[in-house]
Amino acid sequence: MGIVSGLVLYAVIWFLTFLVVIPIRLKTQGDVGEVVPGTHAGSPAVHNLKRKAWITTGLALVVWGIIAAIILTETITVDDIAKWTSFETSAE
């Protein structure tokens, strides 16, 4: 795995993790009871995006480290994945 592919892998993992972390402990305007006119009651009132971005960065780093180690040590290779996903049937 090269530097660019490692960075791309980290970016993909970071954004996927961020999409999972965003709704955790989200307080909507409807929950708080202060709906701003012209907005939906499901709009966030307290979102804590900075804190969630830091949590995402840490989690993504751990997940990326595990996946990078698997790739670099060749524990699982592309050939292994091809064998697992092969839908070939034996024609007799």
Protein backbone atom coordinates (compact mmCIF):
# COMPACT_ATOMS: atom_id res chain seq x y z
CA MET A 1 0.00 0.00 0.00
CA GLY A 2 1.42 3.33 -1.07
CA ILE A 3 1.15 6.69 0.70
CA VAL A 4 -1.66 7.98 -1.51
CA SER A 5 -3.71 4.80 -1.20
CA GLY A 6 -3.19 4.87 2.57
CA LEU A 7 -4.45 8.47 2.73
CA VAL A 8 -7.44 7.66 0.54
CA LEU A 9 -8.26 4.65 2.71
CA TYR A 10 -8.07 6.84 5.83
CA ALA A 11 -10.30 9.51 4.26
CA VAL A 12 -12.94 6.96 3.30
CA ILE A 13 -12.87 5.40 6.77
CA TRP A 14 -13.00 8.87 8.40
CA PHE A 15 -16.08 9.98 6.47
CA LEU A 16 -17.90 6.68 7.01
CA THR A 17 -17.13 6.85 10.73
CA PHE A 18 -18.24 10.49 10.85
CA LEU A 19 -21.60 9.59 9.32
CA VAL A 20 -22.05 6.98 12.05
CA VAL A 21 -20.96 9.30 14.90
CA ILE A 22 -22.98 12.40 13.90
CA PRO A 23 -26.40 11.20 15.14
CA ILE A 24 -25.08 10.02 18.53
CA ARG A 25 -26.40 12.25 21.34
CA LEU A 26 -27.92 14.69 18.86
CA LYS A 27 -30.46 17.02 20.44
CA THR A 28 -33.04 18.30 17.99
CA GLN A 29 -34.99 21.54 18.28
CA GLY A 30 -38.07 19.45 18.98
CA ASP A 31 -36.29 17.71 21.88
CA VAL A 32 -35.20 21.00 23.40
CA GLY A 33 -38.60 22.60 22.81
CA GLU A 34 -37.28 25.68 21.01
CA VAL A 35 -38.19 25.33 17.33
CA VAL A 36 -36.93 28.29 15.30
CA PRO A 37 -39.65 29.54 12.95
CA GLY A 38 -39.05 28.34 9.40
CA THR A 39 -37.05 25.27 10.43
CA HIS A 40 -38.02 21.65 10.97
CA ALA A 41 -38.41 20.32 14.50
CA GLY A 42 -35.84 17.64 13.62
CA SER A 43 -33.14 20.23 12.95
CA PRO A 44 -30.21 19.99 15.36
CA ALA A 45 -30.15 22.36 18.32
CA VAL A 46 -27.00 20.97 19.96
CA HIS A 47 -24.73 19.05 17.62
CA ASN A 48 -21.20 19.16 19.16
CA LEU A 49 -19.57 18.78 15.73
CA LYS A 50 -16.05 19.67 16.90
CA ARG A 51 -16.10 17.01 19.60
CA LYS A 52 -17.59 14.45 17.22
CA ALA A 53 -14.90 15.25 14.63
CA TRP A 54 -12.19 14.51 17.21
CA ILE A 55 -13.90 11.28 18.26
CA THR A 56 -14.19 10.32 14.59
CA THR A 57 -10.51 11.04 14.01
CA GLY A 58 -9.49 8.72 16.85
CA LEU A 59 -11.83 5.91 15.87
CA ALA A 60 -10.89 6.18 12.21
CA LEU A 61 -7.20 6.04 13.12
CA VAL A 62 -7.72 2.79 15.04
CA VAL A 63 -9.82 1.21 12.28
CA TRP A 64 -7.36 2.40 9.62
CA GLY A 65 -4.45 0.92 11.60
CA ILE A 66 -6.14 -2.46 11.77
CA ILE A 67 -7.04 -2.49 8.08
CA ALA A 68 -3.61 -1.20 7.05
CA ALA A 69 -1.93 -3.93 9.11
CA ILE A 70 -4.10 -6.58 7.44
CA ILE A 71 -3.20 -5.22 4.01
CA LEU A 72 0.52 -4.79 4.67
CA THR A 73 0.98 -8.20 6.29
CA GLU A 74 -1.07 -9.77 3.49
CA THR A 75 -3.26 -11.61 5.99
CA ILE A 76 -6.10 -11.15 3.52
CA THR A 77 -5.25 -10.59 -0.14
CA VAL A 78 -7.25 -9.66 -3.21
CA ASP A 79 -7.05 -13.30 -4.32
CA ASP A 80 -8.66 -14.40 -1.05
CA ILE A 81 -11.52 -11.97 -1.59
CA ALA A 82 -11.94 -13.21 -5.17
CA LYS A 83 -12.19 -16.79 -3.89
CA TRP A 84 -14.82 -15.84 -1.28
CA THR A 85 -16.96 -13.90 -3.74
CA SER A 86 -16.70 -16.30 -6.65
CA PHE A 87 -20.11 -17.24 -7.95
CA GLU A 88 -18.85 -19.74 -10.49
CA THR A 89 -20.75 -22.98 -10.77
CA SER A 90 -19.20 -26.17 -11.96
CA ALA A 91 -20.52 -27.11 -15.40
CA GLU A 92 -20.55 -30.82 -15.89
